[in-house]
Amino acid sequence: MNNVLDLVFVTNMNLVNNIKVYPGMSDHNCIITDINLKVKHCRKPPRTVYRFSKGNMDAVMHDLETEFERFDRTDPSSRTIDDNWNDFKTTLMSSLNKHIPRKTLSTRKDIPWMSPETKRKIRKKQMLYNKQKKTGNAEDKRKFRELRSIVKRELDIAHNQYVLNLLDTREPASEEDSGKATIGKKFWNYIKSMKREHISIASLKDVTTGEEVTHAEDFSKAFDTVPHARLLKKLEHYGINELVLGWIRSWLLNRSQRVIIDGASSNEVSVRSGVPQGTVLGPLMFLIYINDIGEHITSNLRLFADDSLLYCAIDIPQDCLALQEDLDKLSQWSYKWQMSFNVSKCKSLSITRKRNPYLHQYTMNGQELESVKSHPYLGVELTQSLNWNNHINNITTKANRSLGFIKRNLKRCPEQIKDQAYKSLVRPHVEYASSVWSPHQKYQVDKLEKVQRKAARFVKNCWIREEGVMTNMLSDLKWDSLQTRREKARLVMFYRVTHGLVDIPLPKDLLPMPCMITRNFHPKKCRPLACNTNYYMGTFFPSTVNI
């Protein structure tokens, strides 16, 4: 039987340029067709704003005073809050529409540095282009080229000035603050609009002997699944004042949400679980809710928002069973408090240099955890051997990608803007949590320094590859080498650790240096740590003590 199963429907046959049928699977064929369709560009509806500087605010205040008198006479306590609010809003908007002039703003903000005068010149340039193409007159062609160069120069100047205004070009308080406090929100919005592509200092790893097994746990839709009733019950259990608890209850309950796209909104849906994201209280409520997750667990548990890390040293096979019991306890906790783990994203990583490590298949919620050779945790790539090659490759790739981005978009900007953009967008990639992974092998150090050398050539716009040129450029820019900056960062972190400013335990063999009368001696000096392996020698404490 000849049956027609696969169809292509169009409203206009002229839209179809070509159509072919290829053998498919089962009873269906594969239809390939070329259709001429225009891409639909969704533009936001124009926005109307009030021009208060040209309005009659006295008349508005008079209308509001009259409304308040009427409001008091109508016994507002007998109505609901929503009715009173709608009544007040209607009166206010009516008065504003009556006494305050309005204007409609265009929603196109893709070229905010282009002035109306430049737009007129662009239109005139297009007219001259059409004219010289039509007539072929040499004078018309000269006028077009002359105006084109003027428009191009004005656009370059306007773009540079726009970016310069977004950047606060004052000198930062210190080198550590460079690229942080001096960058405004508008500049980051500009970067996000141009870029299509996030962390805090990671805690230093506990120094252990033997094999370390780490499990990275991931909550499924963590912030959206916190049950309101159980959260309030926990807050009450922790002794939160009844008045404060009432405020939190009012903040959590009776919420609704909707989606707005191009000015059109969906129906509202009530929200019965989850903490509002983008608020100060949201992460705090989530942390309070999962605060007791580590009870009755013998292994080490690290929590950072919705990321959790469970790990312990495996010295004997029974340690594997103990770690599996802790995983089962986490599963029981998640079932009890309705916070499910996304097992497909939970990974098992065995950190060891043993030739014959203890192998164990760990499970969670009845599903096997995937064993991996490396896994990112809080922005740092951890591997089985704690080798940082993967991490350095990742961060240099990201840094070079960001450097290419600013090369494409800021190539005509002054040196000052390029310098600030490098410090804000590129250098943080190769310095984040460097106290943990700072390399001691030359090829890794050179790979990181290569990123800064590329940036220096771009900032100085100098591509000469001769001996001494790069050294002079870095000196003119006053850029310390990345290795020097990492050493400074490690010394700062070491000071914070030894003075109790961060909650990181000191190794037991870190002892003060015995008193010696020498020029380099000081009372804070520590005894160098004995290292049996190169891996341990390159870790934080041994390498920092030797700086």
Foldseek 3Di string as FASTA:
>chain_A
DDDDDDDDDDPDPVQWDDWDWACDPDPDIDIDTHGDDDDDDQDFDWDKDWDVVPWDVVQLVVQVVVVVVVCVVVPCVVDDPVVVVVSSVVSNVVSCVVTTDMDIDGRDDPQVLDDPVLVVLVVVLVVLVVVCVVPVDPVSVVVSVVSVVVSVVSSLVSLQVVLVVQFQLDDDPDPVCFQPPRGDPVNVVVVVVLDPDAFAQDFADDDDDAKKKKKKWFWDVQQQAQAPVVLLVLCVVVPDDPVVSVVVNVQPAPDWDWDADSNDIDDIDGRRHGFDPPDPCSLVSSCSSCVCLCPPQPFDWDDDRRIIMTMDHPDDPVVVVSSLVSLASSLVVCVVRVTDIPQQPMAMEMAHPDPDGDDDFHDHPNHTHHYDQWDDDRLQIAGNPRARPVSLVVLLVQLVVQLVSCCVVVQSHALSSLLSSSSNRRVCSNQRNCLFHVDDDPVSLVSSQVSVLVSLCSSVVNDDDDPPPSVVSCVVSVDDGPNVVSLVVLLVVVVCQVVVVDPHDDDPQWAFDPDDPDPPDDRRQTDADDDPDPVVCGGNPNVNSVD
